[in-house]
Amino acid sequence: MDCLFCILKENTSNYLCENADWYVIADKYPASPGHHLVILKSHKESFFELDDDELIAAQDALKGAKKKIDASHNPDAYNIGINEGEAAGRTIPHVHIHLIPRYASEPAKGGIEALLKGK
C-alpha cells in the first residue's frame, strides 16, 4: 500500500509552503484553526532517522509555515509536536510535524494534552 503522505506530496497546489526536503499542508482534522502538517518529502518513518540537513530544513519549513499562519490566523501561541510511533498516537508511518496555532480565547490551557482532551 502506498504511503498517504508520499501520494499527497504530488499535489503541490495544496502546499502552504515548501523547501527541498519538506512540504506543508493543512491538517485534515485540525485541532485548531490553522493547524498544519510539516511533512518530509522523502519516505522515512521515524524522526530519529532524519539527518542533520533534514533537521535544519524542518526548522526552516516550520518558520515559513508559522509566518504564513501568523498572517492568516493571528494566533497567540503554538504547539509543535511529533507523534513518534504508534503508541504515541502516530497514525501515518511517515515523518511529519504538527504545527498547531493556539488562541488566548481557547478554554483549553496546559499544553497539547489539554488541547486534545476529549478529541
PDB file of N, CA and C in Angstrom:
ATOM      1  N   MET A   1       0.842  -1.184   0.000  1.00  0.00           N
ATOM      2  CA  MET A   1       0.000   0.000   0.000  1.00  0.00           C
ATOM      3  C   MET A   1       0.888   1.249   0.000  1.00  0.00           C
ATOM      4  N   ASP A   2       0.518   2.235  -0.794  1.00  0.00           N
ATOM      5  CA  ASP A   2       1.282   3.467  -0.873  1.00  0.00           C
ATOM      6  C   ASP A   2       1.061   4.323   0.374  1.00  0.00           C
ATOM      7  N   CYS A   3       2.082   5.037   0.765  1.00  0.00           N
ATOM      8  CA  CYS A   3       2.010   5.944   1.915  1.00  0.00           C
ATOM      9  C   CYS A   3       1.205   7.186   1.527  1.00  0.00           C
ATOM     10  N   LEU A   4       0.238   7.557   2.358  1.00  0.00           N
ATOM     11  CA  LEU A   4      -0.618   8.714   2.087  1.00  0.00           C
ATOM     12  C   LEU A   4       0.201   9.982   1.872  1.00  0.00           C
ATOM     13  N   PHE A   5       1.199  10.225   2.714  1.00  0.00           N
ATOM     14  CA  PHE A   5       1.967  11.461   2.584  1.00  0.00           C
ATOM     15  C   PHE A   5       2.868  11.444   1.350  1.00  0.00           C
ATOM     16  N   CYS A   6       3.307  10.260   0.917  1.00  0.00           N
ATOM     17  CA  CYS A   6       4.079  10.174  -0.330  1.00  0.00           C
ATOM     18  C   CYS A   6       3.183  10.495  -1.519  1.00  0.00           C
ATOM     19  N   ILE A   7       1.911  10.093  -1.455  1.00  0.00           N
ATOM     20  CA  ILE A   7       0.949  10.408  -2.507  1.00  0.00           C
ATOM     21  C   ILE A   7       0.620  11.896  -2.492  1.00  0.00           C
ATOM     22  N   LEU A   8       0.367  12.461  -1.301  1.00  0.00           N
ATOM     23  CA  LEU A   8      -0.011  13.872  -1.186  1.00  0.00           C
ATOM     24  C   LEU A   8       1.074  14.819  -1.666  1.00  0.00           C
ATOM     25  N   LYS A   9       2.331  14.405  -1.580  1.00  0.00           N
ATOM     26  CA  LYS A   9       3.414  15.319  -1.984  1.00  0.00           C
ATOM     27  C   LYS A   9       3.359  15.644  -3.473  1.00  0.00           C
ATOM     28  N   GLU A  10       2.611  14.868  -4.242  1.00  0.00           N
ATOM     29  CA  GLU A  10       2.485  15.129  -5.678  1.00  0.00           C
ATOM     30  C   GLU A  10       1.504  16.265  -5.966  1.00  0.00           C
ATOM     31  N   ASN A  11       0.640  16.617  -4.993  1.00  0.00           N
ATOM     32  CA  ASN A  11      -0.366  17.661  -5.203  1.00  0.00           C
ATOM     33  C   ASN A  11       0.133  18.977  -4.631  1.00  0.00           C
ATOM     34  N   THR A  12       1.056  19.614  -5.338  1.00  0.00           N
ATOM     35  CA  THR A  12       1.711  20.827  -4.844  1.00  0.00           C
ATOM     36  C   THR A  12       0.763  22.016  -4.749  1.00  0.00           C
ATOM     37  N   SER A  13      -0.422  21.930  -5.346  1.00  0.00           N
ATOM     38  CA  SER A  13      -1.367  23.049  -5.268  1.00  0.00           C
ATOM     39  C   SER A  13      -1.921  23.226  -3.854  1.00  0.00           C
ATOM     40  N   ASN A  14      -1.802  22.207  -3.016  1.00  0.00           N
ATOM     41  CA  ASN A  14      -2.299  22.286  -1.636  1.00  0.00           C
ATOM     42  C   ASN A  14      -1.241  22.757  -0.640  1.00  0.00           C
ATOM     43  N   TYR A  15      -0.036  23.033  -1.100  1.00  0.00           N
ATOM     44  CA  TYR A  15       1.043  23.415  -0.193  1.00  0.00           C
ATOM     45  C   TYR A  15       0.839  24.827   0.351  1.00  0.00           C
ATOM     46  N   LEU A  16       1.024  24.978   1.653  1.00  0.00           N
ATOM     47  CA  LEU A  16       1.117  26.317   2.238  1.00  0.00           C
ATOM     48  C   LEU A  16       2.486  26.890   1.880  1.00  0.00           C
ATOM     49  N   CYS A  17       3.511  26.047   1.978  1.00  0.00           N
ATOM     50  CA  CYS A  17       4.875  26.392   1.595  1.00  0.00           C
ATOM     51  C   CYS A  17       5.674  25.097   1.513  1.00  0.00           C
ATOM     52  N   GLU A  18       6.915  25.203   1.049  1.00  0.00           N
ATOM     53  CA  GLU A  18       7.778  24.031   0.943  1.00  0.00           C
ATOM     54  C   GLU A  18       9.229  24.468   0.837  1.00  0.00           C
ATOM     55  N   ASN A  19      10.128  23.500   1.030  1.00  0.00           N
ATOM     56  CA  ASN A  19      11.539  23.673   0.707  1.00  0.00           C
ATOM     57  C   ASN A  19      12.003  22.372   0.068  1.00  0.00           C
ATOM     58  N   ALA A  20      13.279  22.174  -0.075  1.00  0.00           N
ATOM     59  CA  ALA A  20      13.779  20.993  -0.777  1.00  0.00           C
ATOM     60  C   ALA A  20      13.399  19.682  -0.093  1.00  0.00           C
ATOM     61  N   ASP A  21      13.244  19.694   1.226  1.00  0.00           N
ATOM     62  CA  ASP A  21      13.010  18.457   1.976  1.00  0.00           C
ATOM     63  C   ASP A  21      11.616  18.302   2.569  1.00  0.00           C
ATOM     64  N   TRP A  22      10.880  19.385   2.722  1.00  0.00           N
ATOM     65  CA  TRP A  22       9.600  19.359   3.438  1.00  0.00           C
ATOM     66  C   TRP A  22       8.521  20.115   2.674  1.00  0.00           C
ATOM     67  N   TYR A  23       7.271  19.698   2.873  1.00  0.00           N
ATOM     68  CA  TYR A  23       6.131  20.462   2.374  1.00  0.00           C
ATOM     69  C   TYR A  23       5.132  20.631   3.511  1.00  0.00           C
ATOM     70  N   VAL A  24       4.300  21.647   3.411  1.00  0.00           N
ATOM     71  CA  VAL A  24       3.366  21.994   4.483  1.00  0.00           C
ATOM     72  C   VAL A  24       1.956  22.036   3.916  1.00  0.00           C
ATOM     73  N   ILE A  25       1.046  21.284   4.565  1.00  0.00           N
ATOM     74  CA  ILE A  25      -0.360  21.267   4.157  1.00  0.00           C
ATOM     75  C   ILE A  25      -1.247  21.420   5.390  1.00  0.00           C
ATOM     76  N   ALA A  26      -2.486  21.841   5.152  1.00  0.00           N
ATOM     77  CA  ALA A  26      -3.456  21.932   6.234  1.00  0.00           C
ATOM     78  C   ALA A  26      -3.780  20.531   6.743  1.00  0.00           C
ATOM     79  N   ASP A  27      -3.931  20.405   8.069  1.00  0.00           N
ATOM     80  CA  ASP A  27      -4.324  19.134   8.663  1.00  0.00           C
ATOM     81  C   ASP A  27      -5.780  18.847   8.305  1.00  0.00           C
ATOM     82  N   LYS A  28      -6.065  17.616   7.922  1.00  0.00           N
ATOM     83  CA  LYS A  28      -7.427  17.227   7.543  1.00  0.00           C
ATOM     84  C   LYS A  28      -8.381  17.269   8.736  1.00  0.00           C
ATOM     85  N   TYR A  29      -7.864  17.050   9.933  1.00  0.00           N
ATOM     86  CA  TYR A  29      -8.661  17.064  11.162  1.00  0.00           C
ATOM     87  C   TYR A  29      -8.020  18.046  12.138  1.00  0.00           C
ATOM     88  N   PRO A  30      -8.145  19.348  11.884  1.00  0.00           N
ATOM     89  CA  PRO A  30      -7.407  20.340  12.678  1.00  0.00           C
ATOM     90  C   PRO A  30      -7.831  20.387  14.144  1.00  0.00           C
ATOM     91  N   ALA A  31      -6.834  20.484  15.007  1.00  0.00           N
ATOM     92  CA  ALA A  31      -7.077  20.648  16.444  1.00  0.00           C
ATOM     93  C   ALA A  31      -7.474  22.087  16.755  1.00  0.00           C
ATOM     94  N   SER A  32      -7.109  23.011  15.872  1.00  0.00           N
ATOM     95  CA  SER A  32      -7.485  24.420  15.999  1.00  0.00           C
ATOM     96  C   SER A  32      -7.390  25.049  14.611  1.00  0.00           C
ATOM     97  N   PRO A  33      -8.001  26.214  14.417  1.00  0.00           N
ATOM     98  CA  PRO A  33      -7.902  26.870  13.109  1.00  0.00           C
ATOM     99  C   PRO A  33      -6.436  27.154  12.738  1.00  0.00           C
ATOM    100  N   GLY A  34      -6.061  26.754  11.528  1.00  0.00           N
ATOM    101  CA  GLY A  34      -4.701  26.985  11.061  1.00  0.00           C
ATOM    102  C   GLY A  34      -3.741  25.831  11.314  1.00  0.00           C
ATOM    103  N   HIS A  35      -4.206  24.734  11.900  1.00  0.00           N
ATOM    104  CA  HIS A  35      -3.364  23.555  12.167  1.00  0.00           C
ATOM    105  C   HIS A  35      -2.826  23.013  10.843  1.00  0.00           C
ATOM    106  N   HIS A  36      -1.511  22.892  10.744  1.00  0.00           N
ATOM    107  CA  HIS A  36      -0.851  22.388   9.539  1.00  0.00           C
ATOM    108  C   HIS A  36       0.112  21.260   9.874  1.00  0.00           C
ATOM    109  N   LEU A  37       0.444  20.491   8.851  1.00  0.00           N
ATOM    110  CA  LEU A  37       1.431  19.420   8.967  1.00  0.00           C
ATOM    111  C   LEU A  37       2.639  19.779   8.121  1.00  0.00           C
ATOM    112  N   VAL A  38       3.813  19.618   8.702  1.00  0.00           N
ATOM    113  CA  VAL A  38       5.082  19.800   8.007  1.00  0.00           C
ATOM    114  C   VAL A  38       5.576  18.378   7.727  1.00  0.00           C
ATOM    115  N   ILE A  39       5.615  18.005   6.450  1.00  0.00           N
ATOM    116  CA  ILE A  39       5.800  16.606   6.057  1.00  0.00           C
ATOM    117  C   ILE A  39       7.091  16.438   5.254  1.00  0.00           C
ATOM    118  N   LEU A  40       7.876  15.448   5.652  1.00  0.00           N
ATOM    119  CA  LEU A  40       9.114  15.129   4.946  1.00  0.00           C
ATOM    120  C   LEU A  40       8.791  14.621   3.545  1.00  0.00           C
ATOM    121  N   LYS A  41       9.479  15.129   2.532  1.00  0.00           N
ATOM    122  CA  LYS A  41       9.223  14.704   1.148  1.00  0.00           C
ATOM    123  C   LYS A  41       9.714  13.285   0.881  1.00  0.00           C
ATOM    124  N   SER A  42      10.846  12.911   1.449  1.00  0.00           N
ATOM    125  CA  SER A  42      11.321  11.536   1.280  1.00  0.00           C
ATOM    126  C   SER A  42      10.630  10.658   2.324  1.00  0.00           C
ATOM    127  N   HIS A  43      10.546   9.376   2.054  1.00  0.00           N
ATOM    128  CA  HIS A  43       9.836   8.495   2.982  1.00  0.00           C
ATOM    129  C   HIS A  43      10.767   7.964   4.074  1.00  0.00           C
ATOM    130  N   LYS A  44      10.509   8.418   5.284  1.00  0.00           N
ATOM    131  CA  LYS A  44      11.137   7.883   6.492  1.00  0.00           C
ATOM    132  C   LYS A  44      10.037   7.805   7.531  1.00  0.00           C
ATOM    133  N   GLU A  45      10.070   6.766   8.342  1.00  0.00           N
ATOM    134  CA  GLU A  45       9.017   6.603   9.344  1.00  0.00           C
ATOM    135  C   GLU A  45       9.326   7.325  10.649  1.00  0.00           C
ATOM    136  N   SER A  46      10.566   7.413  11.017  1.00  0.00           N
ATOM    137  CA  SER A  46      10.929   7.921  12.338  1.00  0.00           C
ATOM    138  C   SER A  46      11.664   9.256  12.270  1.00  0.00           C
ATOM    139  N   PHE A  47      11.298  10.154  13.153  1.00  0.00           N
ATOM    140  CA  PHE A  47      12.004  11.423  13.315  1.00  0.00           C
ATOM    141  C   PHE A  47      13.485  11.174  13.586  1.00  0.00           C
ATOM    142  N   PHE A  48      13.790  10.096  14.274  1.00  0.00           N
ATOM    143  CA  PHE A  48      15.170   9.789  14.648  1.00  0.00           C
ATOM    144  C   PHE A  48      16.006   9.269  13.483  1.00  0.00           C
ATOM    145  N   GLU A  49      15.399   9.071  12.323  1.00  0.00           N
ATOM    146  CA  GLU A  49      16.121   8.697  11.102  1.00  0.00           C
ATOM    147  C   GLU A  49      16.597   9.919  10.324  1.00  0.00           C
ATOM    148  N   LEU A  50      16.141  11.122  10.703  1.00  0.00           N
ATOM    149  CA  LEU A  50      16.474  12.326   9.952  1.00  0.00           C
ATOM    150  C   LEU A  50      17.949  12.668  10.078  1.00  0.00           C
ATOM    151  N   ASP A  51      18.531  13.126   8.971  1.00  0.00           N
ATOM    152  CA  ASP A  51      19.921  13.576   9.030  1.00  0.00           C
ATOM    153  C   ASP A  51      19.949  15.068   9.385  1.00  0.00           C
ATOM    154  N   ASP A  52      21.131  15.595   9.587  1.00  0.00           N
ATOM    155  CA  ASP A  52      21.276  16.988  10.030  1.00  0.00           C
ATOM    156  C   ASP A  52      20.671  17.979   9.035  1.00  0.00           C
ATOM    157  N   ASP A  53      20.858  17.734   7.743  1.00  0.00           N
ATOM    158  CA  ASP A  53      20.302  18.639   6.739  1.00  0.00           C
ATOM    159  C   ASP A  53      18.775  18.641   6.775  1.00  0.00           C
ATOM    160  N   GLU A  54      18.174  17.481   6.967  1.00  0.00           N
ATOM    161  CA  GLU A  54      16.710  17.390   7.052  1.00  0.00           C
ATOM    162  C   GLU A  54      16.188  18.096   8.306  1.00  0.00           C
ATOM    163  N   LEU A  55      16.934  18.006   9.391  1.00  0.00           N
ATOM    164  CA  LEU A  55      16.532  18.691  10.625  1.00  0.00           C
ATOM    165  C   LEU A  55      16.587  20.213  10.453  1.00  0.00           C
ATOM    166  N   ILE A  56      17.637  20.697   9.820  1.00  0.00           N
ATOM    167  CA  ILE A  56      17.750  22.140   9.568  1.00  0.00           C
ATOM    168  C   ILE A  56      16.631  22.594   8.633  1.00  0.00           C
ATOM    169  N   ALA A  57      16.358  21.806   7.603  1.00  0.00           N
ATOM    170  CA  ALA A  57      15.285  22.145   6.669  1.00  0.00           C
ATOM    171  C   ALA A  57      13.915  22.096   7.346  1.00  0.00           C
ATOM    172  N   ALA A  58      13.739  21.217   8.342  1.00  0.00           N
ATOM    173  CA  ALA A  58      12.483  21.159   9.093  1.00  0.00           C
ATOM    174  C   ALA A  58      12.259  22.469   9.835  1.00  0.00           C
ATOM    175  N   GLN A  59      13.308  22.978  10.453  1.00  0.00           N
ATOM    176  CA  GLN A  59      13.206  24.255  11.163  1.00  0.00           C
ATOM    177  C   GLN A  59      12.840  25.376  10.195  1.00  0.00           C
ATOM    178  N   ASP A  60      13.437  25.373   9.030  1.00  0.00           N
ATOM    179  CA  ASP A  60      13.132  26.371   8.010  1.00  0.00           C
ATOM    180  C   ASP A  60      11.670  26.275   7.575  1.00  0.00           C
ATOM    181  N   ALA A  61      11.182  25.062   7.350  1.00  0.00           N
ATOM    182  CA  ALA A  61       9.785  24.864   6.936  1.00  0.00           C
ATOM    183  C   ALA A  61       8.824  25.299   8.035  1.00  0.00           C
ATOM    184  N   LEU A  62       9.143  24.985   9.280  1.00  0.00           N
ATOM    185  CA  LEU A  62       8.297  25.411  10.404  1.00  0.00           C
ATOM    186  C   LEU A  62       8.222  26.931  10.486  1.00  0.00           C
ATOM    187  N   LYS A  63       9.360  27.598  10.330  1.00  0.00           N
ATOM    188  CA  LYS A  63       9.368  29.067  10.383  1.00  0.00           C
ATOM    189  C   LYS A  63       8.582  29.674   9.227  1.00  0.00           C
ATOM    190  N   GLY A  64       8.725  29.101   8.028  1.00  0.00           N
ATOM    191  CA  GLY A  64       7.976  29.596   6.882  1.00  0.00           C
ATOM    192  C   GLY A  64       6.477  29.418   7.058  1.00  0.00           C
ATOM    193  N   ALA A  65       6.083  28.257   7.563  1.00  0.00           N
ATOM    194  CA  ALA A  65       4.659  27.994   7.807  1.00  0.00           C
ATOM    195  C   ALA A  65       4.121  28.909   8.891  1.00  0.00           C
ATOM    196  N   LYS A  66       4.884  29.106   9.956  1.00  0.00           N
ATOM    197  CA  LYS A  66       4.446  29.986  11.046  1.00  0.00           C
ATOM    198  C   LYS A  66       4.185  31.397  10.531  1.00  0.00           C
ATOM    199  N   LYS A  67       5.063  31.896   9.693  1.00  0.00           N
ATOM    200  CA  LYS A  67       4.906  33.247   9.159  1.00  0.00           C
ATOM    201  C   LYS A  67       3.583  33.375   8.388  1.00  0.00           C
ATOM    202  N   LYS A  68       3.276  32.366   7.582  1.00  0.00           N
ATOM    203  CA  LYS A  68       2.033  32.404   6.801  1.00  0.00           C
ATOM    204  C   LYS A  68       0.803  32.226   7.690  1.00  0.00           C
ATOM    205  N   ILE A  69       0.894  31.345   8.682  1.00  0.00           N
ATOM    206  CA  ILE A  69      -0.235  31.137   9.594  1.00  0.00           C
ATOM    207  C   ILE A  69      -0.449  32.378  10.456  1.00  0.00           C
ATOM    208  N   ASP A  70       0.638  33.013  10.890  1.00  0.00           N
ATOM    209  CA  ASP A  70       0.512  34.265  11.641  1.00  0.00           C
ATOM    210  C   ASP A  70      -0.283  35.287  10.829  1.00  0.00           C
ATOM    211  N   ALA A  71       0.020  35.402   9.547  1.00  0.00           N
ATOM    212  CA  ALA A  71      -0.631  36.391   8.690  1.00  0.00           C
ATOM    213  C   ALA A  71      -2.107  36.072   8.454  1.00  0.00           C
ATOM    214  N   SER A  72      -2.435  34.782   8.346  1.00  0.00           N
ATOM    215  CA  SER A  72      -3.818  34.417   8.020  1.00  0.00           C
ATOM    216  C   SER A  72      -4.700  34.159   9.239  1.00  0.00           C
ATOM    217  N   HIS A  73      -4.103  33.781  10.378  1.00  0.00           N
ATOM    218  CA  HIS A  73      -4.904  33.388  11.545  1.00  0.00           C
ATOM    219  C   HIS A  73      -4.614  34.191  12.816  1.00  0.00           C
ATOM    220  N   ASN A  74      -3.485  34.861  12.865  1.00  0.00           N
ATOM    221  CA  ASN A  74      -3.111  35.682  14.015  1.00  0.00           C
ATOM    222  C   ASN A  74      -3.232  34.950  15.361  1.00  0.00           C
ATOM    223  N   PRO A  75      -2.588  33.783  15.502  1.00  0.00           N
ATOM    224  CA  PRO A  75      -2.662  33.064  16.778  1.00  0.00           C
ATOM    225  C   PRO A  75      -1.822  33.740  17.862  1.00  0.00           C
ATOM    226  N   ASP A  76      -2.075  33.349  19.094  1.00  0.00           N
ATOM    227  CA  ASP A  76      -1.333  33.884  20.240  1.00  0.00           C
ATOM    228  C   ASP A  76      -0.125  33.034  20.603  1.00  0.00           C
ATOM    229  N   ALA A  77      -0.120  31.769  20.168  1.00  0.00           N
ATOM    230  CA  ALA A  77       0.957  30.843  20.524  1.00  0.00           C
ATOM    231  C   ALA A  77       0.869  29.620  19.611  1.00  0.00           C
ATOM    232  N   TYR A  78       1.766  28.667  19.795  1.00  0.00           N
ATOM    233  CA  TYR A  78       1.785  27.436  19.004  1.00  0.00           C
ATOM    234  C   TYR A  78       2.143  26.240  19.866  1.00  0.00           C
ATOM    235  N   ASN A  79       1.618  25.085  19.471  1.00  0.00           N
ATOM    236  CA  ASN A  79       2.146  23.792  19.889  1.00  0.00           C
ATOM    237  C   ASN A  79       2.830  23.207  18.664  1.00  0.00           C
ATOM    238  N   ILE A  80       3.997  22.613  18.867  1.00  0.00           N
ATOM    239  CA  ILE A  80       4.730  21.915  17.815  1.00  0.00           C
ATOM    240  C   ILE A  80       4.918  20.500  18.315  1.00  0.00           C
ATOM    241  N   GLY A  81       4.447  19.515  17.546  1.00  0.00           N
ATOM    242  CA  GLY A  81       4.503  18.152  18.065  1.00  0.00           C
ATOM    243  C   GLY A  81       4.749  17.097  17.016  1.00  0.00           C
ATOM    244  N   ILE A  82       5.338  15.998  17.493  1.00  0.00           N
ATOM    245  CA  ILE A  82       5.597  14.824  16.667  1.00  0.00           C
ATOM    246  C   ILE A  82       5.102  13.608  17.445  1.00  0.00           C
ATOM    247  N   ASN A  83       4.259  12.812  16.810  1.00  0.00           N
ATOM    248  CA  ASN A  83       3.831  11.550  17.401  1.00  0.00           C
ATOM    249  C   ASN A  83       4.783  10.478  16.885  1.00  0.00           C
ATOM    250  N   GLU A  84       5.752  10.107  17.680  1.00  0.00           N
ATOM    251  CA  GLU A  84       6.814   9.193  17.268  1.00  0.00           C
ATOM    252  C   GLU A  84       6.428   7.761  17.619  1.00  0.00           C
ATOM    253  N   GLY A  85       5.856   7.073  16.659  1.00  0.00           N
ATOM    254  CA  GLY A  85       5.449   5.684  16.846  1.00  0.00           C
ATOM    255  C   GLY A  85       3.964   5.545  17.116  1.00  0.00           C
ATOM    256  N   GLU A  86       3.436   4.364  16.838  1.00  0.00           N
ATOM    257  CA  GLU A  86       2.011   4.107  17.024  1.00  0.00           C
ATOM    258  C   GLU A  86       1.567   4.314  18.463  1.00  0.00           C
ATOM    259  N   ALA A  87       2.366   3.882  19.418  1.00  0.00           N
ATOM    260  CA  ALA A  87       1.992   4.019  20.831  1.00  0.00           C
ATOM    261  C   ALA A  87       1.880   5.481  21.250  1.00  0.00           C
ATOM    262  N   ALA A  88       2.516   6.373  20.488  1.00  0.00           N
ATOM    263  CA  ALA A  88       2.440   7.805  20.769  1.00  0.00           C
ATOM    264  C   ALA A  88       1.305   8.473  20.003  1.00  0.00           C
ATOM    265  N   GLY A  89       0.561   7.707  19.223  1.00  0.00           N
ATOM    266  CA  GLY A  89      -0.572   8.256  18.501  1.00  0.00           C
ATOM    267  C   GLY A  89      -0.360   8.489  17.020  1.00  0.00           C
ATOM    268  N   ARG A  90       0.803   8.103  16.503  1.00  0.00           N
ATOM    269  CA  ARG A  90       1.031   8.286  15.064  1.00  0.00           C
ATOM    270  C   ARG A  90       0.138   7.322  14.287  1.00  0.00           C
ATOM    271  N   THR A  91      -0.586   7.842  13.308  1.00  0.00           N
ATOM    272  CA  THR A  91      -1.478   7.009  12.501  1.00  0.00           C
ATOM    273  C   THR A  91      -0.977   6.820  11.072  1.00  0.00           C
ATOM    274  N   ILE A  92      -0.046   7.664  10.629  1.00  0.00           N
ATOM    275  CA  ILE A  92       0.544   7.529   9.295  1.00  0.00           C
ATOM    276  C   ILE A  92       2.043   7.336   9.485  1.00  0.00           C
ATOM    277  N   PRO A  93       2.587   6.201   9.031  1.00  0.00           N
ATOM    278  CA  PRO A  93       4.004   5.897   9.263  1.00  0.00           C
ATOM    279  C   PRO A  93       4.935   6.664   8.328  1.00  0.00           C
ATOM    280  N   HIS A  94       4.964   7.980   8.517  1.00  0.00           N
ATOM    281  CA  HIS A  94       5.796   8.872   7.701  1.00  0.00           C
ATOM    282  C   HIS A  94       6.073  10.098   8.570  1.00  0.00           C
ATOM    283  N   VAL A  95       7.323  10.548   8.619  1.00  0.00           N
ATOM    284  CA  VAL A  95       7.695  11.671   9.486  1.00  0.00           C
ATOM    285  C   VAL A  95       6.886  12.918   9.125  1.00  0.00           C
ATOM    286  N   HIS A  96       6.231  13.475  10.148  1.00  0.00           N
ATOM    287  CA  HIS A  96       5.519  14.739   9.986  1.00  0.00           C
ATOM    288  C   HIS A  96       5.441  15.445  11.331  1.00  0.00           C
ATOM    289  N   ILE A  97       5.367  16.757  11.262  1.00  0.00           N
ATOM    290  CA  ILE A  97       5.365  17.603  12.455  1.00  0.00           C
ATOM    291  C   ILE A  97       4.070  18.404  12.463  1.00  0.00           C
ATOM    292  N   HIS A  98       3.369  18.388  13.592  1.00  0.00           N
ATOM    293  CA  HIS A  98       2.155  19.187  13.741  1.00  0.00           C
ATOM    294  C   HIS A  98       2.531  20.596  14.178  1.00  0.00           C
ATOM    295  N   LEU A  99       2.024  21.583  13.470  1.00  0.00           N
ATOM    296  CA  LEU A  99       2.173  22.989  13.847  1.00  0.00           C
ATOM    297  C   LEU A  99       0.759  23.485  14.153  1.00  0.00           C
ATOM    298  N   ILE A 100       0.470  23.638  15.438  1.00  0.00           N
ATOM    299  CA  ILE A 100      -0.891  23.903  15.898  1.00  0.00           C
ATOM    300  C   ILE A 100      -0.977  25.290  16.517  1.00  0.00           C
ATOM    301  N   PRO A 101      -1.662  26.210  15.835  1.00  0.00           N
ATOM    302  CA  PRO A 101      -1.853  27.545  16.414  1.00  0.00           C
ATOM    303  C   PRO A 101      -2.724  27.452  17.672  1.00  0.00           C
ATOM    304  N   ARG A 102      -2.425  28.321  18.629  1.00  0.00           N
ATOM    305  CA  ARG A 102      -3.211  28.388  19.866  1.00  0.00           C
ATOM    306  C   ARG A 102      -3.701  29.815  20.047  1.00  0.00           C
ATOM    307  N   TYR A 103      -4.856  29.923  20.652  1.00  0.00           N
ATOM    308  CA  TYR A 103      -5.531  31.211  20.791  1.00  0.00           C
ATOM    309  C   TYR A 103      -5.884  31.457  22.243  1.00  0.00           C
ATOM    310  N   ALA A 104      -5.671  32.693  22.697  1.00  0.00           N
ATOM    311  CA  ALA A 104      -5.962  33.045  24.091  1.00  0.00           C
ATOM    312  C   ALA A 104      -7.430  32.809  24.419  1.00  0.00           C
ATOM    313  N   SER A 105      -8.297  32.884  23.428  1.00  0.00           N
ATOM    314  CA  SER A 105      -9.730  32.685  23.639  1.00  0.00           C
ATOM    315  C   SER A 105     -10.119  31.229  23.862  1.00  0.00           C
ATOM    316  N   GLU A 106      -9.208  30.294  23.580  1.00  0.00           N
ATOM    317  CA  GLU A 106      -9.499  28.870  23.781  1.00  0.00           C
ATOM    318  C   GLU A 106      -9.567  28.552  25.271  1.00  0.00           C
ATOM    319  N   PRO A 107     -10.545  27.764  25.665  1.00  0.00           N
ATOM    320  CA  PRO A 107     -10.620  27.400  27.080  1.00  0.00           C
ATOM    321  C   PRO A 107      -9.526  26.432  27.516  1.00  0.00           C
ATOM    322  N   ALA A 108      -9.014  25.614  26.572  1.00  0.00           N
ATOM    323  CA  ALA A 108      -8.006  24.616  26.923  1.00  0.00           C
ATOM    324  C   ALA A 108      -6.660  25.284  27.176  1.00  0.00           C
ATOM    325  N   LYS A 109      -6.090  25.042  28.329  1.00  0.00           N
ATOM    326  CA  LYS A 109      -4.750  25.514  28.669  1.00  0.00           C
ATOM    327  C   LYS A 109      -3.963  24.331  29.233  1.00  0.00           C
ATOM    328  N   GLY A 110      -2.670  24.417  29.210  1.00  0.00           N
ATOM    329  CA  GLY A 110      -1.862  23.350  29.785  1.00  0.00           C
ATOM    330  C   GLY A 110      -1.182  22.475  28.758  1.00  0.00           C
ATOM    331  N   GLY A 111      -0.996  22.976  27.544  1.00  0.00           N
ATOM    332  CA  GLY A 111      -0.244  22.215  26.560  1.00  0.00           C
ATOM    333  C   GLY A 111      -1.112  21.344  25.684  1.00  0.00           C
ATOM    334  N   ILE A 112      -0.451  20.485  24.920  1.00  0.00           N
ATOM    335  CA  ILE A 112      -1.125  19.664  23.928  1.00  0.00           C
ATOM    336  C   ILE A 112      -2.114  18.696  24.563  1.00  0.00           C
ATOM    337  N   GLU A 113      -1.813  18.191  25.752  1.00  0.00           N
ATOM    338  CA  GLU A 113      -2.731  17.254  26.404  1.00  0.00           C
ATOM    339  C   GLU A 113      -4.082  17.907  26.645  1.00  0.00           C
ATOM    340  N   ALA A 114      -4.079  19.155  27.093  1.00  0.00           N
ATOM    341  CA  ALA A 114      -5.337  19.861  27.332  1.00  0.00           C
ATOM    342  C   ALA A 114      -6.075  20.136  26.024  1.00  0.00           C
ATOM    343  N   LEU A 115      -5.345  20.485  24.990  1.00  0.00           N
ATOM    344  CA  LEU A 115      -5.950  20.776  23.696  1.00  0.00           C
ATOM    345  C   LEU A 115      -6.645  19.552  23.133  1.00  0.00           C
ATOM    346  N   LEU A 116      -6.013  18.398  23.256  1.00  0.00           N
ATOM    347  CA  LEU A 116      -6.535  17.188  22.643  1.00  0.00           C
ATOM    348  C   LEU A 116      -7.493  16.404  23.540  1.00  0.00           C
ATOM    349  N   LYS A 117      -7.627  16.796  24.785  1.00  0.00           N
ATOM    350  CA  LYS A 117      -8.523  16.101  25.709  1.00  0.00           C
ATOM    351  C   LYS A 117      -9.932  16.082  25.133  1.00  0.00           C
ATOM    352  N   GLY A 118     -10.494  14.890  25.033  1.00  0.00           N
ATOM    353  CA  GLY A 118     -11.848  14.750  24.533  1.00  0.00           C
ATOM    354  C   GLY A 118     -11.976  14.691  23.032  1.00  0.00           C
ATOM    355  N   LYS A 119     -10.847  14.737  22.284  1.00  0.00           N
ATOM    356  CA  LYS A 119     -10.919  14.660  20.812  1.00  0.00           C
ATOM    357  C   LYS A 119     -10.744  13.231  20.366  1.00  0.00           C
TER     358      LYS A 119
END
